[in-house]
Amino acid sequence: MNTWHRIILHCSDSTWGSAAEIRKWHVEGNGWADIGYQYVILNGQVKPDYYLACCNGSVEIGRTIDGDRNVETGESGAHAYGYNGTSLGVCLIGKEEFTSEQLGATLNLVRDLQQKFEIDTDDVIGHYEINAAKSCPNVDMVYLRGILKKVK
């Protein structure tokens, strides 16, 4: 049985959204069984013309996992080809700019996931690091890993 070995960060490549919206894009637009990511971090822009400050930095559950180390049927994401069965997908809503609240929430979530699933900081990667055709999450992963190593 597979276990969680990595955390892969992504961005939505949209200026607005939520887990529900991405689920709709993935299920209706791509024909997938569910949203590809296990977690989505909001920027407050939940619809094109609708900003909710209280949602800025909120973490939403995407594809549900039961919380143990084992990857079971239905828990595997659809976010990084070849890595879905052993990695957790975290998506930040945005293209190239993210709010400080989102980045803080990302660090907190990643640290929690690392502790819960015993994932090494070197195994927290950006999608672009395993797929050269991607720029996602448009975050400097070397810098982010450096912060994670300092704040354990």
N, C-alpha and C. Protein backbone atom coordinates (compact mmCIF):
# COMPACT_ATOMS: atom_id res chain seq x y z
N MET A 1 0.84 -1.18 0.00
CA MET A 1 0.00 0.00 0.00
C MET A 1 0.89 1.25 0.00
N ASN A 2 0.55 2.23 -0.80
CA ASN A 2 1.29 3.49 -0.86
C ASN A 2 1.06 4.33 0.39
N THR A 3 2.05 5.16 0.69
CA THR A 3 1.92 6.13 1.77
C THR A 3 2.25 7.52 1.22
N TRP A 4 1.88 8.55 1.97
CA TRP A 4 2.17 9.92 1.57
C TRP A 4 3.66 10.20 1.76
N HIS A 5 4.33 10.61 0.67
CA HIS A 5 5.77 10.87 0.70
C HIS A 5 6.14 12.31 0.38
N ARG A 6 5.25 13.04 -0.30
CA ARG A 6 5.55 14.39 -0.76
C ARG A 6 4.35 15.29 -0.59
N ILE A 7 4.67 16.59 -0.59
CA ILE A 7 3.65 17.63 -0.69
C ILE A 7 4.03 18.43 -1.93
N ILE A 8 3.10 18.57 -2.85
CA ILE A 8 3.36 19.30 -4.09
C ILE A 8 2.47 20.53 -4.12
N LEU A 9 3.12 21.70 -4.25
CA LEU A 9 2.39 22.96 -4.29
C LEU A 9 2.05 23.35 -5.72
N HIS A 10 0.87 23.91 -5.87
CA HIS A 10 0.33 24.34 -7.16
C HIS A 10 -0.29 25.72 -7.01
N CYS A 11 -0.63 26.34 -8.13
CA CYS A 11 -1.48 27.53 -8.12
C CYS A 11 -2.62 27.28 -9.09
N SER A 12 -3.71 28.00 -8.88
CA SER A 12 -4.92 27.76 -9.69
C SER A 12 -4.83 28.39 -11.07
N ASP A 13 -3.88 29.28 -11.30
CA ASP A 13 -3.75 30.03 -12.55
C ASP A 13 -5.04 30.83 -12.83
N SER A 14 -5.69 31.26 -11.75
CA SER A 14 -6.87 32.11 -11.82
C SER A 14 -6.78 33.11 -10.67
N THR A 15 -7.36 34.26 -10.84
CA THR A 15 -7.28 35.27 -9.78
C THR A 15 -8.34 35.06 -8.71
N TRP A 16 -9.25 34.14 -8.92
CA TRP A 16 -10.33 33.88 -7.97
C TRP A 16 -10.61 32.38 -7.94
N GLY A 17 -11.34 31.95 -6.91
CA GLY A 17 -11.75 30.55 -6.86
C GLY A 17 -11.87 30.03 -5.45
N SER A 18 -12.23 28.76 -5.39
CA SER A 18 -12.42 28.04 -4.13
C SER A 18 -12.33 26.56 -4.45
N ALA A 19 -12.33 25.72 -3.43
CA ALA A 19 -12.31 24.28 -3.67
C ALA A 19 -13.55 23.85 -4.46
N ALA A 20 -14.69 24.43 -4.15
CA ALA A 20 -15.93 24.08 -4.87
C ALA A 20 -15.83 24.46 -6.35
N GLU A 21 -15.26 25.62 -6.61
CA GLU A 21 -15.12 26.08 -8.00
C GLU A 21 -14.13 25.20 -8.76
N ILE A 22 -13.00 24.90 -8.15
CA ILE A 22 -12.01 24.04 -8.82
C ILE A 22 -12.58 22.65 -9.03
N ARG A 23 -13.33 22.14 -8.06
CA ARG A 23 -13.98 20.84 -8.22
C ARG A 23 -14.87 20.86 -9.47
N LYS A 24 -15.61 21.95 -9.65
CA LYS A 24 -16.48 22.07 -10.83
C LYS A 24 -15.63 22.08 -12.10
N TRP A 25 -14.54 22.83 -12.11
CA TRP A 25 -13.65 22.87 -13.28
C TRP A 25 -13.10 21.48 -13.60
N HIS A 26 -12.67 20.76 -12.57
CA HIS A 26 -12.06 19.46 -12.78
C HIS A 26 -13.08 18.38 -13.17
N VAL A 27 -14.23 18.38 -12.51
CA VAL A 27 -15.24 17.34 -12.79
C VAL A 27 -15.97 17.63 -14.10
N GLU A 28 -16.51 18.84 -14.24
CA GLU A 28 -17.28 19.16 -15.44
C GLU A 28 -16.39 19.45 -16.64
N GLY A 29 -15.30 20.15 -16.41
CA GLY A 29 -14.42 20.53 -17.52
C GLY A 29 -13.48 19.44 -17.99
N ASN A 30 -12.96 18.66 -17.04
CA ASN A 30 -11.97 17.63 -17.38
C ASN A 30 -12.52 16.21 -17.33
N GLY A 31 -13.70 16.05 -16.74
CA GLY A 31 -14.29 14.71 -16.61
C GLY A 31 -13.64 13.87 -15.52
N TRP A 32 -12.96 14.53 -14.57
CA TRP A 32 -12.32 13.80 -13.48
C TRP A 32 -13.36 13.38 -12.45
N ALA A 33 -12.99 12.45 -11.58
CA ALA A 33 -13.89 11.96 -10.54
C ALA A 33 -14.11 12.98 -9.43
N ASP A 34 -13.12 13.87 -9.21
CA ASP A 34 -13.19 14.82 -8.11
C ASP A 34 -12.15 15.91 -8.37
N ILE A 35 -12.07 16.86 -7.47
CA ILE A 35 -11.03 17.88 -7.52
C ILE A 35 -9.66 17.18 -7.44
N GLY A 36 -8.68 17.73 -8.11
CA GLY A 36 -7.36 17.10 -8.14
C GLY A 36 -6.54 17.29 -6.88
N TYR A 37 -6.80 18.34 -6.11
CA TYR A 37 -5.99 18.69 -4.94
C TYR A 37 -6.66 18.25 -3.65
N GLN A 38 -5.85 17.98 -2.65
CA GLN A 38 -6.40 17.66 -1.34
C GLN A 38 -6.71 18.92 -0.52
N TYR A 39 -6.00 20.03 -0.82
CA TYR A 39 -6.19 21.29 -0.09
C TYR A 39 -6.15 22.47 -1.05
N VAL A 40 -6.93 23.49 -0.74
CA VAL A 40 -6.96 24.74 -1.52
C VAL A 40 -6.85 25.90 -0.53
N ILE A 41 -5.97 26.85 -0.85
CA ILE A 41 -5.77 28.01 0.03
C ILE A 41 -6.28 29.25 -0.69
N LEU A 42 -7.30 29.86 -0.10
CA LEU A 42 -8.01 30.97 -0.73
C LEU A 42 -7.28 32.31 -0.59
N ASN A 43 -7.58 33.20 -1.55
CA ASN A 43 -7.05 34.58 -1.49
C ASN A 43 -8.14 35.60 -1.16
N GLY A 44 -9.34 35.15 -0.88
CA GLY A 44 -10.46 36.03 -0.56
C GLY A 44 -11.34 36.36 -1.76
N GLN A 45 -10.80 36.20 -2.96
CA GLN A 45 -11.56 36.50 -4.18
C GLN A 45 -12.29 35.21 -4.58
N VAL A 46 -13.47 34.99 -4.00
CA VAL A 46 -14.18 33.72 -4.19
C VAL A 46 -14.95 33.65 -5.51
N LYS A 47 -15.29 34.78 -6.08
CA LYS A 47 -15.91 34.89 -7.41
C LYS A 47 -15.24 36.07 -8.11
N PRO A 48 -15.41 36.20 -9.41
CA PRO A 48 -14.71 37.29 -10.11
C PRO A 48 -14.93 38.67 -9.51
N ASP A 49 -16.13 38.96 -9.08
CA ASP A 49 -16.44 40.28 -8.53
C ASP A 49 -16.90 40.21 -7.08
N TYR A 50 -16.39 39.22 -6.34
CA TYR A 50 -16.86 39.04 -4.97
C TYR A 50 -15.69 38.68 -4.06
N TYR A 51 -15.25 39.67 -3.28
CA TYR A 51 -14.14 39.49 -2.35
C TYR A 51 -14.66 39.37 -0.93
N LEU A 52 -14.18 38.39 -0.20
CA LEU A 52 -14.51 38.21 1.21
C LEU A 52 -13.20 38.19 1.99
N ALA A 53 -12.91 39.26 2.69
CA ALA A 53 -11.65 39.36 3.43
C ALA A 53 -11.47 38.21 4.41
N CYS A 54 -12.56 37.74 5.00
CA CYS A 54 -12.46 36.66 5.98
C CYS A 54 -11.98 35.35 5.37
N CYS A 55 -12.06 35.22 4.05
CA CYS A 55 -11.62 33.99 3.38
C CYS A 55 -10.16 34.05 2.93
N ASN A 56 -9.55 35.21 3.02
CA ASN A 56 -8.16 35.36 2.60
C ASN A 56 -7.27 34.55 3.55
N GLY A 57 -6.62 33.52 3.02
CA GLY A 57 -5.77 32.64 3.82
C GLY A 57 -6.50 31.43 4.37
N SER A 58 -7.79 31.29 4.07
CA SER A 58 -8.54 30.12 4.53
C SER A 58 -8.08 28.87 3.78
N VAL A 59 -8.03 27.76 4.50
CA VAL A 59 -7.67 26.48 3.90
C VAL A 59 -8.94 25.66 3.76
N GLU A 60 -9.21 25.21 2.54
CA GLU A 60 -10.38 24.37 2.28
C GLU A 60 -9.92 22.96 1.93
N ILE A 61 -10.75 22.00 2.30
CA ILE A 61 -10.50 20.61 1.95
C ILE A 61 -10.95 20.41 0.51
N GLY A 62 -10.11 19.79 -0.27
CA GLY A 62 -10.46 19.42 -1.63
C GLY A 62 -10.85 17.95 -1.64
N ARG A 63 -9.99 17.12 -2.19
CA ARG A 63 -10.21 15.68 -2.18
C ARG A 63 -9.94 15.17 -0.77
N THR A 64 -10.88 14.49 -0.21
CA THR A 64 -10.81 14.09 1.19
C THR A 64 -9.83 12.94 1.41
N ILE A 65 -9.05 13.06 2.49
CA ILE A 65 -8.22 11.96 2.96
C ILE A 65 -8.65 11.66 4.39
N ASP A 66 -8.42 10.43 4.83
CA ASP A 66 -8.90 10.07 6.17
C ASP A 66 -7.91 10.37 7.28
N GLY A 67 -6.71 10.82 6.94
CA GLY A 67 -5.79 11.26 7.97
C GLY A 67 -4.74 10.27 8.40
N ASP A 68 -4.75 9.04 7.85
CA ASP A 68 -3.66 8.13 8.19
C ASP A 68 -2.60 8.19 7.09
N ARG A 69 -1.51 7.50 7.27
CA ARG A 69 -0.39 7.56 6.32
C ARG A 69 -0.67 6.81 5.03
N ASN A 70 -1.68 5.96 5.01
CA ASN A 70 -1.95 5.12 3.84
C ASN A 70 -2.81 5.83 2.81
N VAL A 71 -2.42 5.68 1.55
CA VAL A 71 -3.20 6.22 0.44
C VAL A 71 -4.21 5.15 0.05
N GLU A 72 -5.47 5.46 0.28
CA GLU A 72 -6.52 4.49 0.01
C GLU A 72 -7.35 4.91 -1.20
N THR A 73 -8.20 4.02 -1.67
CA THR A 73 -9.03 4.27 -2.84
C THR A 73 -9.76 5.60 -2.70
N GLY A 74 -9.65 6.43 -3.71
CA GLY A 74 -10.35 7.71 -3.73
C GLY A 74 -9.58 8.85 -3.11
N GLU A 75 -8.51 8.58 -2.37
CA GLU A 75 -7.74 9.64 -1.73
C GLU A 75 -6.67 10.20 -2.65
N SER A 76 -6.17 9.39 -3.56
CA SER A 76 -5.13 9.82 -4.47
C SER A 76 -5.63 10.98 -5.32
N GLY A 77 -4.84 12.03 -5.41
CA GLY A 77 -5.25 13.21 -6.17
C GLY A 77 -5.05 13.06 -7.66
N ALA A 78 -5.24 14.16 -8.37
CA ALA A 78 -5.02 14.24 -9.81
C ALA A 78 -4.37 15.59 -10.06
N HIS A 79 -3.15 15.75 -9.54
CA HIS A 79 -2.51 17.06 -9.60
C HIS A 79 -1.10 17.03 -10.16
N ALA A 80 -0.44 15.88 -10.16
CA ALA A 80 0.93 15.80 -10.67
C ALA A 80 1.17 14.40 -11.23
N TYR A 81 1.12 14.30 -12.53
CA TYR A 81 1.22 13.00 -13.21
C TYR A 81 2.46 12.24 -12.73
N GLY A 82 2.24 11.00 -12.33
CA GLY A 82 3.31 10.14 -11.85
C GLY A 82 3.56 10.23 -10.36
N TYR A 83 2.95 11.22 -9.69
CA TYR A 83 3.17 11.45 -8.27
C TYR A 83 1.87 11.42 -7.47
N ASN A 84 0.75 11.28 -8.13
CA ASN A 84 -0.54 11.38 -7.45
C ASN A 84 -0.75 10.36 -6.35
N GLY A 85 -0.24 9.16 -6.53
CA GLY A 85 -0.47 8.09 -5.58
C GLY A 85 0.33 8.18 -4.29
N THR A 86 1.28 9.12 -4.24
CA THR A 86 2.12 9.24 -3.03
C THR A 86 2.30 10.67 -2.56
N SER A 87 1.58 11.62 -3.17
CA SER A 87 1.78 13.02 -2.80
C SER A 87 0.46 13.72 -2.51
N LEU A 88 0.55 14.71 -1.64
CA LEU A 88 -0.59 15.56 -1.31
C LEU A 88 -0.49 16.84 -2.15
N GLY A 89 -1.57 17.21 -2.79
CA GLY A 89 -1.61 18.41 -3.62
C GLY A 89 -2.23 19.58 -2.87
N VAL A 90 -1.49 20.69 -2.84
CA VAL A 90 -1.95 21.92 -2.20
C VAL A 90 -1.98 23.00 -3.27
N CYS A 91 -3.13 23.62 -3.47
CA CYS A 91 -3.29 24.64 -4.51
C CYS A 91 -3.59 26.00 -3.89
N LEU A 92 -2.78 26.98 -4.25
CA LEU A 92 -3.03 28.37 -3.85
C LEU A 92 -3.85 29.04 -4.96
N ILE A 93 -4.93 29.71 -4.59
CA ILE A 93 -5.70 30.46 -5.58
C ILE A 93 -4.85 31.66 -5.98
N GLY A 94 -4.62 31.80 -7.28
CA GLY A 94 -3.83 32.92 -7.79
C GLY A 94 -3.02 32.49 -9.00
N LYS A 95 -2.36 33.48 -9.59
CA LYS A 95 -1.51 33.22 -10.75
C LYS A 95 -0.04 33.40 -10.38
N GLU A 96 0.35 34.63 -10.18
CA GLU A 96 1.75 34.91 -9.86
C GLU A 96 1.92 35.70 -8.58
N GLU A 97 0.81 36.18 -8.01
CA GLU A 97 0.87 36.94 -6.78
C GLU A 97 -0.05 36.30 -5.75
N PHE A 98 0.48 36.21 -4.52
CA PHE A 98 -0.28 35.59 -3.45
C PHE A 98 -0.23 36.51 -2.23
N THR A 99 -1.27 36.44 -1.43
CA THR A 99 -1.34 37.33 -0.27
C THR A 99 -0.46 36.78 0.86
N SER A 100 -0.09 37.67 1.77
CA SER A 100 0.70 37.23 2.92
C SER A 100 -0.10 36.23 3.75
N GLU A 101 -1.42 36.39 3.80
CA GLU A 101 -2.27 35.45 4.52
C GLU A 101 -2.21 34.05 3.88
N GLN A 102 -2.22 34.01 2.56
CA GLN A 102 -2.11 32.72 1.87
C GLN A 102 -0.76 32.06 2.15
N LEU A 103 0.30 32.84 2.08
CA LEU A 103 1.63 32.27 2.28
C LEU A 103 1.79 31.79 3.72
N GLY A 104 1.26 32.54 4.68
CA GLY A 104 1.30 32.10 6.07
C GLY A 104 0.51 30.81 6.26
N ALA A 105 -0.67 30.74 5.66
CA ALA A 105 -1.50 29.54 5.75
C ALA A 105 -0.81 28.35 5.08
N THR A 106 -0.12 28.62 3.98
CA THR A 106 0.62 27.56 3.29
C THR A 106 1.69 26.98 4.19
N LEU A 107 2.47 27.86 4.82
CA LEU A 107 3.52 27.39 5.73
C LEU A 107 2.93 26.58 6.89
N ASN A 108 1.84 27.07 7.47
CA ASN A 108 1.21 26.36 8.58
C ASN A 108 0.66 25.00 8.15
N LEU A 109 -0.03 24.97 7.01
CA LEU A 109 -0.59 23.71 6.52
C LEU A 109 0.53 22.72 6.20
N VAL A 110 1.54 23.18 5.49
CA VAL A 110 2.63 22.28 5.11
C VAL A 110 3.33 21.73 6.35
N ARG A 111 3.58 22.57 7.33
CA ARG A 111 4.21 22.09 8.58
C ARG A 111 3.33 21.05 9.26
N ASP A 112 2.03 21.30 9.32
CA ASP A 112 1.11 20.33 9.92
C ASP A 112 1.15 19.00 9.17
N LEU A 113 1.11 19.07 7.84
CA LEU A 113 1.12 17.85 7.02
C LEU A 113 2.45 17.11 7.17
N GLN A 114 3.54 17.86 7.22
CA GLN A 114 4.85 17.23 7.41
C GLN A 114 4.90 16.45 8.72
N GLN A 115 4.41 17.05 9.77
CA GLN A 115 4.42 16.38 11.07
C GLN A 115 3.50 15.17 11.09
N LYS A 116 2.30 15.36 10.58
CA LYS A 116 1.31 14.28 10.61
C LYS A 116 1.75 13.07 9.79
N PHE A 117 2.34 13.32 8.61
CA PHE A 117 2.68 12.23 7.70
C PHE A 117 4.19 11.96 7.59
N GLU A 118 4.98 12.62 8.46
CA GLU A 118 6.43 12.42 8.50
C GLU A 118 7.07 12.66 7.13
N ILE A 119 6.80 13.83 6.57
CA ILE A 119 7.32 14.22 5.27
C ILE A 119 8.47 15.19 5.47
N ASP A 120 9.62 14.88 4.89
CA ASP A 120 10.81 15.72 5.00
C ASP A 120 10.64 17.02 4.22
N THR A 121 11.26 18.07 4.68
CA THR A 121 11.17 19.37 4.01
C THR A 121 11.66 19.30 2.57
N ASP A 122 12.66 18.49 2.29
CA ASP A 122 13.15 18.36 0.91
C ASP A 122 12.11 17.73 -0.02
N ASP A 123 11.08 17.13 0.56
CA ASP A 123 10.00 16.52 -0.22
C ASP A 123 8.78 17.42 -0.32
N VAL A 124 8.95 18.69 0.00
CA VAL A 124 7.93 19.72 -0.26
C VAL A 124 8.40 20.41 -1.53
N ILE A 125 7.67 20.19 -2.62
CA ILE A 125 8.15 20.65 -3.92
C ILE A 125 7.08 21.42 -4.68
N GLY A 126 7.53 22.21 -5.61
CA GLY A 126 6.63 22.91 -6.51
C GLY A 126 6.37 22.05 -7.74
N HIS A 127 5.23 22.19 -8.34
CA HIS A 127 4.88 21.41 -9.52
C HIS A 127 5.93 21.57 -10.61
N TYR A 128 6.48 22.77 -10.76
CA TYR A 128 7.50 23.02 -11.78
C TYR A 128 8.77 22.20 -11.56
N GLU A 129 8.99 21.74 -10.34
CA GLU A 129 10.20 20.98 -10.06
C GLU A 129 10.13 19.53 -10.56
N ILE A 130 8.94 19.08 -10.91
CA ILE A 130 8.79 17.73 -11.48
C ILE A 130 8.22 17.77 -12.89
N ASN A 131 7.83 18.96 -13.34
CA ASN A 131 7.29 19.12 -14.69
C ASN A 131 7.79 20.45 -15.24
N ALA A 132 8.81 20.39 -16.06
CA ALA A 132 9.48 21.60 -16.57
C ALA A 132 8.55 22.47 -17.42
N ALA A 133 7.44 21.93 -17.88
CA ALA A 133 6.48 22.72 -18.67
C ALA A 133 5.63 23.62 -17.79
N LYS A 134 5.73 23.46 -16.48
CA LYS A 134 4.91 24.23 -15.54
C LYS A 134 5.75 25.29 -14.83
N SER A 135 5.10 26.40 -14.45
CA SER A 135 5.75 27.40 -13.60
C SER A 135 5.12 27.39 -12.21
N CYS A 136 4.06 26.66 -12.08
CA CYS A 136 3.25 26.57 -10.88
C CYS A 136 4.07 25.95 -9.75
N PRO A 137 4.02 26.50 -8.59
CA PRO A 137 3.07 27.43 -8.01
C PRO A 137 3.48 28.90 -8.13
N ASN A 138 4.52 29.20 -8.90
CA ASN A 138 5.02 30.58 -9.02
C ASN A 138 5.47 31.12 -7.66
N VAL A 139 6.06 30.25 -6.88
CA VAL A 139 6.64 30.56 -5.58
C VAL A 139 8.06 30.00 -5.60
N ASP A 140 9.01 30.73 -5.04
CA ASP A 140 10.39 30.27 -4.96
C ASP A 140 10.45 29.14 -3.92
N MET A 141 10.54 27.91 -4.40
CA MET A 141 10.48 26.76 -3.50
C MET A 141 11.75 26.62 -2.66
N VAL A 142 12.89 27.04 -3.17
CA VAL A 142 14.12 26.98 -2.37
C VAL A 142 13.96 27.89 -1.15
N TYR A 143 13.43 29.08 -1.37
CA TYR A 143 13.18 30.03 -0.28
C TYR A 143 12.16 29.47 0.71
N LEU A 144 11.06 28.92 0.18
CA LEU A 144 10.01 28.37 1.04
C LEU A 144 10.54 27.21 1.88
N ARG A 145 11.31 26.31 1.26
CA ARG A 145 11.88 25.21 2.04
C ARG A 145 12.84 25.72 3.10
N GLY A 146 13.58 26.81 2.78
CA GLY A 146 14.46 27.41 3.77
C GLY A 146 13.70 27.90 4.98
N ILE A 147 12.56 28.53 4.76
CA ILE A 147 11.71 28.98 5.88
C ILE A 147 11.22 27.77 6.68
N LEU A 148 10.75 26.74 5.99
CA LEU A 148 10.24 25.55 6.68
C LEU A 148 11.33 24.91 7.56
N LYS A 149 12.56 24.91 7.08
CA LYS A 149 13.66 24.31 7.86
C LYS A 149 13.97 25.14 9.10
N LYS A 150 13.75 26.45 9.02
CA LYS A 150 14.06 27.33 10.15
C LYS A 150 12.97 27.32 11.22
N VAL A 151 11.74 27.06 10.83
CA VAL A 151 10.62 27.22 11.77
C VAL A 151 10.08 25.91 12.33
N LYS A 152 10.81 24.84 12.19
CA LYS A 152 10.34 23.54 12.71
C LYS A 152 10.10 23.63 14.13
